[in-house]
C-alpha atoms as a PDB file:
ATOM      1  CA  MET A   1      37.942 -57.717  -3.413  1.00  0.00           C
ATOM      2  CA  PHE A   2      37.161 -56.302  -6.831  1.00  0.00           C
ATOM      3  CA  GLY A   3      40.422 -56.880  -8.669  1.00  0.00           C
ATOM      4  CA  TRP A   4      38.355 -58.808 -11.215  1.00  0.00           C
ATOM      5  CA  LEU A   5      36.780 -55.484 -12.251  1.00  0.00           C
ATOM      6  CA  LYS A   6      40.111 -54.304 -13.667  1.00  0.00           C
ATOM      7  CA  ASN A   7      40.261 -57.431 -15.809  1.00  0.00           C
ATOM      8  CA  LEU A   8      36.678 -56.944 -16.965  1.00  0.00           C
ATOM      9  CA  MET A   9      37.448 -53.399 -18.122  1.00  0.00           C
ATOM     10  CA  GLY A  10      40.485 -54.580 -20.056  1.00  0.00           C
ATOM     11  CA  GLY A  11      43.140 -53.240 -17.714  1.00  0.00           C
ATOM     12  CA  ALA A  12      44.594 -56.537 -16.545  1.00  0.00           C
ATOM     13  CA  GLN A  13      45.607 -59.736 -18.313  1.00  0.00           C
ATOM     14  CA  LYS A  14      43.531 -59.849 -21.500  1.00  0.00           C
ATOM     15  CA  THR A  15      42.519 -63.488 -21.678  1.00  0.00           C
ATOM     16  CA  ALA A  16      39.430 -65.104 -20.172  1.00  0.00           C
ATOM     17  CA  ARG A  17      36.427 -63.611 -18.438  1.00  0.00           C
ATOM     18  CA  PRO A  18      36.738 -62.992 -14.685  1.00  0.00           C
ATOM     19  CA  PRO A  19      34.976 -65.466 -12.384  1.00  0.00           C
ATOM     20  CA  ILE A  20      31.327 -64.820 -11.572  1.00  0.00           C
ATOM     21  CA  LEU A  21      30.711 -63.512  -8.064  1.00  0.00           C
ATOM     22  CA  VAL A  22      28.751 -66.297  -6.407  1.00  0.00           C
ATOM     23  CA  GLY A  23      25.934 -65.818  -3.891  1.00  0.00           C
ATOM     24  CA  PRO A  24      23.939 -62.788  -2.780  1.00  0.00           C
ATOM     25  CA  LEU A  25      25.755 -59.463  -2.682  1.00  0.00           C
ATOM     26  CA  ALA A  26      25.177 -56.376  -0.582  1.00  0.00           C
ATOM     27  CA  GLU A  27      23.726 -53.558  -2.680  1.00  0.00           C
ATOM     28  CA  PRO A  28      26.964 -51.483  -2.831  1.00  0.00           C
ATOM     29  CA  ASP A  29      28.928 -54.528  -4.010  1.00  0.00           C
ATOM     30  CA  LEU A  30      26.228 -55.450  -6.519  1.00  0.00           C
ATOM     31  CA  ARG A  31      26.208 -51.937  -7.901  1.00  0.00           C
ATOM     32  CA  LEU A  32      29.979 -51.894  -8.288  1.00  0.00           C
ATOM     33  CA  ALA A  33      29.916 -55.267 -10.028  1.00  0.00           C
ATOM     34  CA  LEU A  34      27.291 -54.222 -12.566  1.00  0.00           C
ATOM     35  CA  GLU A  35      28.451 -50.714 -13.477  1.00  0.00           C
ATOM     36  CA  ARG A  36      30.629 -49.525 -16.325  1.00  0.00           C
ATOM     37  CA  PRO A  37      31.188 -45.931 -17.446  1.00  0.00           C
ATOM     38  CA  CYS A  38      29.859 -44.802 -20.804  1.00  0.00           C
ATOM     39  CA  ALA A  39      29.954 -41.641 -22.910  1.00  0.00           C
ATOM     40  CA  PRO A  40      26.552 -40.931 -24.502  1.00  0.00           C
ATOM     41  CA  LEU A  41      26.183 -39.081 -27.789  1.00  0.00           C
ATOM     42  CA  ILE A  42      23.354 -36.757 -28.830  1.00  0.00           C
ATOM     43  CA  PHE A  43      22.711 -36.103 -32.529  1.00  0.00           C
ATOM     44  CA  ALA A  44      20.193 -33.271 -32.696  1.00  0.00           C
ATOM     45  CA  LYS A  45      21.767 -30.483 -34.776  1.00  0.00           C
ATOM     46  CA  PRO A  46      22.815 -30.343 -38.439  1.00  0.00           C
ATOM     47  CA  ALA A  47      26.485 -31.111 -39.004  1.00  0.00           C
ATOM     48  CA  ASN A  48      28.706 -28.145 -39.707  1.00  0.00           C
ATOM     49  CA  ILE A  49      31.611 -27.951 -42.117  1.00  0.00           C
ATOM     50  CA  ASP A  50      34.245 -29.079 -39.598  1.00  0.00           C
ATOM     51  CA  PRO A  51      35.537 -32.451 -40.881  1.00  0.00           C
ATOM     52  CA  LEU A  52      36.867 -33.364 -37.418  1.00  0.00           C
ATOM     53  CA  GLU A  53      33.453 -33.371 -35.759  1.00  0.00           C
ATOM     54  CA  THR A  54      31.729 -36.512 -34.544  1.00  0.00           C
ATOM     55  CA  MET A  55      28.804 -37.010 -36.934  1.00  0.00           C
ATOM     56  CA  PHE A  56      25.946 -39.298 -37.801  1.00  0.00           C
ATOM     57  CA  GLY A  57      25.016 -39.749 -41.450  1.00  0.00           C
ATOM     58  CA  ALA A  58      28.386 -38.530 -42.710  1.00  0.00           C
ATOM     59  CA  VAL A  59      32.040 -39.597 -42.929  1.00  0.00           C
ATOM     60  CA  ARG A  60      34.506 -36.807 -43.651  1.00  0.00           C
ATOM     61  CA  LEU A  61      37.817 -38.372 -42.660  1.00  0.00           C
ATOM     62  CA  GLY A  62      39.909 -41.040 -44.317  1.00  0.00           C
ATOM     63  CA  GLN A  63      43.302 -41.787 -45.780  1.00  0.00           C
ATOM     64  CA  ARG A  64      44.209 -40.516 -49.228  1.00  0.00           C
ATOM     65  CA  ALA A  65      44.656 -43.962 -50.757  1.00  0.00           C
ATOM     66  CA  GLU A  66      41.452 -45.483 -49.385  1.00  0.00           C
ATOM     67  CA  ALA A  67      38.594 -46.305 -51.707  1.00  0.00           C
ATOM     68  CA  TRP A  68      35.040 -45.693 -50.548  1.00  0.00           C
ATOM     69  CA  PRO A  69      33.660 -49.007 -49.212  1.00  0.00           C
ATOM     70  CA  ALA A  70      31.166 -50.875 -51.367  1.00  0.00           C
ATOM     71  CA  HIS A  71      28.908 -53.903 -51.041  1.00  0.00           C
ATOM     72  CA  LYS A  72      28.634 -55.953 -54.228  1.00  0.00           C
ATOM     73  CA  GLY A  73      29.699 -52.929 -56.246  1.00  0.00           C
ATOM     74  CA  THR A  74      27.242 -50.511 -54.629  1.00  0.00           C
ATOM     75  CA  PRO A  75      28.715 -47.691 -52.504  1.00  0.00           C
ATOM     76  CA  MET A  76      27.829 -47.978 -48.827  1.00  0.00           C
ATOM     77  CA  TRP A  77      26.113 -45.251 -46.846  1.00  0.00           C
ATOM     78  CA  PRO A  78      28.253 -43.281 -44.384  1.00  0.00           C
ATOM     79  CA  LEU A  79      26.685 -44.137 -41.032  1.00  0.00           C
ATOM     80  CA  CYS A  80      28.826 -42.330 -38.477  1.00  0.00           C
ATOM     81  CA  GLN A  81      32.195 -40.824 -37.681  1.00  0.00           C
ATOM     82  CA  ILE A  82      33.437 -40.859 -34.081  1.00  0.00           C
ATOM     83  CA  ASN A  83      36.311 -38.578 -33.087  1.00  0.00           C
ATOM     84  CA  LEU A  84      37.633 -40.319 -30.000  1.00  0.00           C
ATOM     85  CA  THR A  85      39.996 -37.469 -29.174  1.00  0.00           C
ATOM     86  CA  GLN A  86      36.961 -35.337 -28.294  1.00  0.00           C
ATOM     87  CA  ALA A  87      35.166 -37.958 -26.195  1.00  0.00           C
ATOM     88  CA  PRO A  88      34.930 -37.440 -22.412  1.00  0.00           C
ATOM     89  CA  PHE A  89      35.481 -41.170 -21.910  1.00  0.00           C
ATOM     90  CA  VAL A  90      37.054 -43.802 -24.162  1.00  0.00           C
ATOM     91  CA  PRO A  91      36.889 -47.548 -23.426  1.00  0.00           C
ATOM     92  CA  GLU A  92      40.249 -49.192 -22.808  1.00  0.00           C
ATOM     93  CA  ALA A  93      39.909 -51.205 -26.012  1.00  0.00           C
ATOM     94  CA  LEU A  94      39.800 -48.008 -28.110  1.00  0.00           C
ATOM     95  CA  ARG A  95      42.530 -45.953 -26.458  1.00  0.00           C
ATOM     96  CA  ASP A  96      45.034 -46.668 -29.211  1.00  0.00           C
ATOM     97  CA  LEU A  97      42.767 -44.949 -31.760  1.00  0.00           C
ATOM     98  CA  ALA A  98      41.771 -41.390 -32.657  1.00  0.00           C
ATOM     99  CA  VAL A  99      38.896 -41.917 -35.102  1.00  0.00           C
ATOM    100  CA  ILE A 100      36.395 -44.621 -36.049  1.00  0.00           C
ATOM    101  CA  THR A 101      34.199 -44.451 -39.137  1.00  0.00           C
ATOM    102  CA  VAL A 102      31.324 -46.844 -39.889  1.00  0.00           C
ATOM    103  CA  PHE A 103      29.604 -47.512 -43.210  1.00  0.00           C
ATOM    104  CA  ILE A 104      26.532 -49.636 -43.868  1.00  0.00           C
ATOM    105  CA  SER A 105      24.964 -51.261 -46.910  1.00  0.00           C
ATOM    106  CA  PRO A 106      21.324 -50.397 -47.671  1.00  0.00           C
ATOM    107  CA  ASP A 107      20.499 -54.121 -47.504  1.00  0.00           C
ATOM    108  CA  HIS A 108      22.469 -54.817 -44.325  1.00  0.00           C
ATOM    109  CA  MET A 109      19.473 -56.442 -42.606  1.00  0.00           C
ATOM    110  CA  THR A 110      19.041 -59.094 -45.284  1.00  0.00           C
ATOM    111  CA  ALA A 111      22.479 -60.663 -44.848  1.00  0.00           C
ATOM    112  CA  PRO A 112      24.405 -59.009 -42.014  1.00  0.00           C
ATOM    113  CA  MET A 113      28.083 -59.885 -41.841  1.00  0.00           C
ATOM    114  CA  GLN A 114      29.217 -60.527 -38.259  1.00  0.00           C
ATOM    115  CA  ILE A 115      32.935 -59.727 -38.443  1.00  0.00           C
ATOM    116  CA  CYS A 116      34.732 -56.890 -40.205  1.00  0.00           C
ATOM    117  CA  ASP A 117      38.462 -57.261 -40.919  1.00  0.00           C
ATOM    118  CA  THR A 118      40.034 -53.823 -41.346  1.00  0.00           C
ATOM    119  CA  ARG A 119      43.176 -55.354 -42.871  1.00  0.00           C
ATOM    120  CA  ARG A 120      41.369 -57.367 -45.524  1.00  0.00           C
ATOM    121  CA  PRO A 121      37.985 -55.748 -46.293  1.00  0.00           C
ATOM    122  CA  ASP A 122      35.434 -58.157 -47.758  1.00  0.00           C
ATOM    123  CA  GLU A 123      33.307 -56.845 -50.626  1.00  0.00           C
ATOM    124  CA  ALA A 124      30.560 -59.225 -49.532  1.00  0.00           C
ATOM    125  CA  ALA A 125      30.349 -57.564 -46.107  1.00  0.00           C
ATOM    126  CA  THR A 126      27.257 -55.465 -45.471  1.00  0.00           C
ATOM    127  CA  TRP A 127      29.112 -53.020 -43.212  1.00  0.00           C
ATOM    128  CA  ALA A 128      32.582 -51.563 -42.944  1.00  0.00           C
ATOM    129  CA  LEU A 129      34.544 -50.040 -40.108  1.00  0.00           C
ATOM    130  CA  ARG A 130      37.733 -48.030 -40.448  1.00  0.00           C
ATOM    131  CA  SER A 131      39.962 -46.964 -37.597  1.00  0.00           C
ATOM    132  CA  TYR A 132      42.817 -44.475 -37.414  1.00  0.00           C
ATOM    133  CA  ALA A 133      45.450 -44.136 -34.712  1.00  0.00           C
ATOM    134  CA  THR A 134      45.987 -40.436 -35.333  1.00  0.00           C
ATOM    135  CA  LEU A 135      44.289 -37.460 -36.965  1.00  0.00           C
ATOM    136  CA  GLU A 136      47.454 -36.639 -38.850  1.00  0.00           C
ATOM    137  CA  ASN A 137      47.397 -37.100 -42.628  1.00  0.00           C
ATOM    138  CA  LEU A 138      43.654 -37.780 -42.740  1.00  0.00           C
ATOM    139  CA  ARG A 139      41.817 -36.183 -45.656  1.00  0.00           C
ATOM    140  CA  ILE A 140      38.234 -35.566 -46.677  1.00  0.00           C
ATOM    141  CA  PRO A 141      37.386 -38.597 -48.846  1.00  0.00           C
ATOM    142  CA  ARG A 142      35.860 -38.201 -52.280  1.00  0.00           C
ATOM    143  CA  ALA A 143      32.436 -39.746 -51.803  1.00  0.00           C
ATOM    144  CA  PRO A 144      30.760 -41.420 -54.768  1.00  0.00           C
ATOM    145  CA  ALA A 145      27.030 -41.097 -55.367  1.00  0.00           C
ATOM    146  CA  HIS A 146      25.678 -43.407 -52.681  1.00  0.00           C
ATOM    147  CA  ALA A 147      22.012 -42.351 -52.508  1.00  0.00           C
ATOM    148  CA  SER A 148      22.039 -42.203 -48.730  1.00  0.00           C
ATOM    149  CA  PRO A 149      18.786 -40.773 -47.312  1.00  0.00           C
ATOM    150  CA  LEU A 150      20.541 -39.716 -44.103  1.00  0.00           C
ATOM    151  CA  VAL A 151      20.774 -36.080 -43.042  1.00  0.00           C
ATOM    152  CA  PRO A 152      24.182 -35.438 -41.423  1.00  0.00           C
ATOM    153  CA  GLN A 153      23.896 -34.527 -37.761  1.00  0.00           C
ATOM    154  CA  ARG A 154      26.594 -33.200 -35.435  1.00  0.00           C
ATOM    155  CA  GLY A 155      27.347 -35.251 -32.331  1.00  0.00           C
ATOM    156  CA  VAL A 156      27.438 -33.630 -28.918  1.00  0.00           C
ATOM    157  CA  TRP A 157      28.959 -35.577 -26.042  1.00  0.00           C
ATOM    158  CA  ALA A 158      26.836 -35.819 -22.908  1.00  0.00           C
ATOM    159  CA  GLU A 159      28.373 -36.202 -19.476  1.00  0.00           C
ATOM    160  CA  VAL A 160      29.913 -39.546 -18.617  1.00  0.00           C
ATOM    161  CA  GLN A 161      27.541 -41.724 -16.635  1.00  0.00           C
ATOM    162  CA  GLN A 162      27.474 -45.191 -15.148  1.00  0.00           C
ATOM    163  CA  ASP A 163      25.777 -47.880 -17.195  1.00  0.00           C
ATOM    164  CA  TYR A 164      24.434 -51.095 -15.654  1.00  0.00           C
ATOM    165  CA  ALA A 165      24.152 -54.621 -17.008  1.00  0.00           C
ATOM    166  CA  ASN A 166      20.636 -55.848 -17.712  1.00  0.00           C
ATOM    167  CA  HIS A 167      19.491 -59.349 -16.753  1.00  0.00           C
ATOM    168  CA  GLU A 168      20.748 -60.908 -20.009  1.00  0.00           C
ATOM    169  CA  LEU A 169      24.287 -59.685 -19.339  1.00  0.00           C
ATOM    170  CA  ALA A 170      24.495 -59.517 -15.545  1.00  0.00           C
ATOM    171  CA  GLY A 171      25.155 -63.248 -15.435  1.00  0.00           C
ATOM    172  CA  GLN A 172      28.631 -62.534 -16.835  1.00  0.00           C
ATOM    173  CA  VAL A 173      29.680 -60.975 -13.527  1.00  0.00           C
ATOM    174  CA  ILE A 174      27.216 -61.996 -10.782  1.00  0.00           C
ATOM    175  CA  ASP A 175      25.007 -64.881  -9.712  1.00  0.00           C
ATOM    176  CA  THR A 176      21.605 -63.867 -11.134  1.00  0.00           C
ATOM    177  CA  ASP A 177      19.851 -66.650  -9.208  1.00  0.00           C
ATOM    178  CA  ALA A 178      20.942 -65.033  -5.945  1.00  0.00           C
ATOM    179  CA  ASN A 179      20.627 -61.379  -7.032  1.00  0.00           C
ATOM    180  CA  ASP A 180      17.677 -59.639  -8.707  1.00  0.00           C
ATOM    181  CA  VAL A 181      19.110 -56.841 -10.856  1.00  0.00           C
ATOM    182  CA  TYR A 182      15.616 -55.493 -11.545  1.00  0.00           C
ATOM    183  CA  ALA A 183      15.018 -54.845  -7.859  1.00  0.00           C
ATOM    184  CA  TYR A 184      16.957 -51.561  -7.990  1.00  0.00           C
ATOM    185  CA  ASP A 185      15.942 -48.323  -9.707  1.00  0.00           C
ATOM    186  CA  TRP A 186      19.570 -47.500 -10.471  1.00  0.00           C
ATOM    187  CA  CYS A 187      20.123 -50.679 -12.502  1.00  0.00           C
ATOM    188  CA  ARG A 188      19.378 -49.296 -15.958  1.00  0.00           C
ATOM    189  CA  THR A 189      21.179 -49.765 -19.252  1.00  0.00           C
ATOM    190  CA  LEU A 190      21.302 -46.617 -21.367  1.00  0.00           C
ATOM    191  CA  THR A 191      19.421 -47.010 -24.667  1.00  0.00           C
ATOM    192  CA  GLN A 192      21.346 -44.362 -26.568  1.00  0.00           C
ATOM    193  CA  THR A 193      24.257 -44.193 -28.984  1.00  0.00           C
ATOM    194  CA  LYS A 194      27.271 -44.405 -26.689  1.00  0.00           C
ATOM    195  CA  LEU A 195      30.865 -45.427 -26.181  1.00  0.00           C
ATOM    196  CA  GLY A 196      31.495 -48.028 -23.516  1.00  0.00           C
ATOM    197  CA  GLY A 197      29.039 -49.174 -20.892  1.00  0.00           C
ATOM    198  CA  TRP A 198      26.943 -52.263 -21.556  1.00  0.00           C
ATOM    199  CA  PRO A 199      24.956 -53.154 -24.675  1.00  0.00           C
ATOM    200  CA  ALA A 200      21.246 -52.475 -24.108  1.00  0.00           C
ATOM    201  CA  THR A 201      20.234 -55.818 -25.571  1.00  0.00           C
ATOM    202  CA  VAL A 202      16.666 -56.399 -26.738  1.00  0.00           C
ATOM    203  CA  GLN A 203      16.834 -60.160 -27.336  1.00  0.00           C
ATOM    204  CA  SER A 204      19.841 -61.924 -25.820  1.00  0.00           C
ATOM    205  CA  GLU A 205      23.558 -61.646 -25.258  1.00  0.00           C
ATOM    206  CA  PRO A 206      25.511 -60.500 -28.331  1.00  0.00           C
ATOM    207  CA  TRP A 207      26.536 -63.427 -30.499  1.00  0.00           C
ATOM    208  CA  TRP A 208      30.202 -63.156 -29.504  1.00  0.00           C
ATOM    209  CA  ASP A 209      29.343 -64.101 -25.915  1.00  0.00           C
ATOM    210  CA  TYR A 210      28.397 -67.643 -26.894  1.00  0.00           C
ATOM    211  CA  ALA A 211      29.812 -68.292 -30.390  1.00  0.00           C
ATOM    212  CA  PRO A 212      33.434 -69.534 -30.142  1.00  0.00           C
ATOM    213  CA  THR A 213      35.743 -67.647 -32.531  1.00  0.00           C
ATOM    214  CA  GLY A 214      39.092 -67.904 -30.757  1.00  0.00           C
ATOM    215  CA  ASP A 215      38.816 -64.231 -29.817  1.00  0.00           C
ATOM    216  CA  THR A 216      37.853 -62.367 -26.668  1.00  0.00           C
ATOM    217  CA  TRP A 217      35.586 -59.472 -27.623  1.00  0.00           C
ATOM    218  CA  ASP A 218      35.318 -56.131 -25.835  1.00  0.00           C
ATOM    219  CA  PHE A 219      32.043 -54.296 -26.362  1.00  0.00           C
ATOM    220  CA  VAL A 220      32.992 -50.714 -27.264  1.00  0.00           C
ATOM    221  CA  MET A 221      30.030 -48.964 -28.873  1.00  0.00           C
ATOM    222  CA  GLN A 222      26.255 -48.992 -29.234  1.00  0.00           C
ATOM    223  CA  ILE A 223      24.563 -47.375 -32.244  1.00  0.00           C
ATOM    224  CA  GLU A 224      20.888 -46.572 -31.831  1.00  0.00           C
ATOM    225  CA  ASN A 225      18.353 -45.319 -34.338  1.00  0.00           C
ATOM    226  CA  GLU A 226      18.874 -41.598 -34.866  1.00  0.00           C
ATOM    227  CA  PRO A 227      15.583 -40.124 -36.135  1.00  0.00           C
ATOM    228  CA  GLN A 228      17.026 -36.626 -36.477  1.00  0.00           C
ATOM    229  CA  ALA A 229      19.415 -38.060 -39.059  1.00  0.00           C
ATOM    230  CA  GLY A 230      16.688 -40.114 -40.742  1.00  0.00           C
ATOM    231  CA  TRP A 231      18.075 -43.434 -39.511  1.00  0.00           C
ATOM    232  CA  GLN A 232      15.603 -46.131 -38.433  1.00  0.00           C
ATOM    233  CA  GLY A 233      17.621 -49.074 -39.729  1.00  0.00           C
ATOM    234  CA  TRP A 234      17.534 -51.109 -36.534  1.00  0.00           C
ATOM    235  CA  GLY A 235      13.734 -51.212 -36.205  1.00  0.00           C
ATOM    236  CA  ASN A 236      13.053 -51.200 -32.463  1.00  0.00           C
ATOM    237  CA  GLY A 237      16.558 -52.397 -31.664  1.00  0.00           C
ATOM    238  CA  ALA A 238      20.174 -51.282 -31.914  1.00  0.00           C
ATOM    239  CA  ALA A 239      23.592 -52.328 -33.195  1.00  0.00           C
ATOM    240  CA  PHE A 240      26.452 -53.296 -30.893  1.00  0.00           C
ATOM    241  CA  ILE A 241      30.123 -53.198 -31.889  1.00  0.00           C
ATOM    242  CA  ALA A 242      32.996 -55.050 -30.223  1.00  0.00           C
ATOM    243  CA  ARG A 243      36.717 -55.361 -30.863  1.00  0.00           C
ATOM    244  CA  SER A 244      38.940 -58.422 -30.611  1.00  0.00           C
ATOM    245  CA  ARG A 245      41.651 -58.367 -27.960  1.00  0.00           C
ATOM    246  CA  GLN A 246      43.803 -60.951 -29.704  1.00  0.00           C
ATOM    247  CA  ARG A 247      43.369 -59.489 -33.216  1.00  0.00           C
ATOM    248  CA  PRO A 248      42.434 -55.814 -32.845  1.00  0.00           C
ATOM    249  CA  HIS A 249      41.966 -55.445 -36.601  1.00  0.00           C
ATOM    250  CA  LEU A 250      38.822 -57.576 -36.228  1.00  0.00           C
ATOM    251  CA  TRP A 251      35.547 -55.946 -35.237  1.00  0.00           C
ATOM    252  CA  ALA A 252      32.226 -57.616 -34.528  1.00  0.00           C
ATOM    253  CA  MET A 253      28.705 -56.312 -34.998  1.00  0.00           C
ATOM    254  CA  GLU A 254      25.468 -57.602 -33.518  1.00  0.00           C
ATOM    255  CA  VAL A 255      22.205 -56.112 -34.781  1.00  0.00           C
ATOM    256  CA  GLN A 256      19.198 -56.793 -32.592  1.00  0.00           C
ATOM    257  CA  ALA A 257      15.965 -55.537 -34.126  1.00  0.00           C
ATOM    258  CA  THR A 258      12.352 -56.352 -33.350  1.00  0.00           C
END
C-alpha cells in the first residue's frame, strides 16, 4: 500500500512527486505517511582540534586548490561543516557524499541567492556550499581574515528520530481536508539543526515546492540558530537546504525568518 513512500524518500524512480493519499486515513496509516527519519545535531561544546569533526562556526576541510569563498570580494563566514560519515542517519540524496561545508555572507539576508552551483560558484551568491565524496586528500584550508563573530562549536549527533510533516507540508502526501495533522500529539516537526526529516517551516512551503526550475528537489538539511556559537542569523526562523535530483551539483536554500 505504501510503495509511494519509497519514491518519496528517493529510493524509487526519481521523477515526480508520489500521488497524494486521498480521503481520511486511519491513524497508523496517517502516521506512516507523514513520518521521515532525521538525525538531529547538538552544538553545545567548544570545537576541538580534530578537523574531521562536525562543527558550527568553523570549516576545517577542503581541497588544496580551492579558494576560500567570497561575496563581492569579501570572505564569507564559515557557517558549518557536516561529516556525513559520522552521522547516524544520512538522507538518500546525500549518500554519495562524505562531507558538506556551508559558508554565508554577512549580508545574506539583504539579497539571498536561492541556488548554489558547486561546479560554477557565483561571486554574487550570498552563500556557498561545498561537497566532497570522500575524506581522502582533504586539507585544512587557509582561512583569510573574515571577521566572523561565531564561536566554533563541536557537533554531537543525537539519536535518530521520526520527524512529521506540519500542515504546510502534509498536503504533499495526504489529503489535509480529510485529515487534521494537528489532532495528534506525535505529529511534530523537529525545530533543530538536523539531517533529513521535514523542514520546520515558519511561513510556507520552501520556494522549490512551487517555483518551477526543471529540477526535483530533495530536502536534506535544516540549519537553526545556534546561540552557543553566536549565530542568530535567521531571526526567529531557520534555513532549509535541498539538492537537485537531476543536477546534483545544484543546491537550493530557503531562509524563513520572522
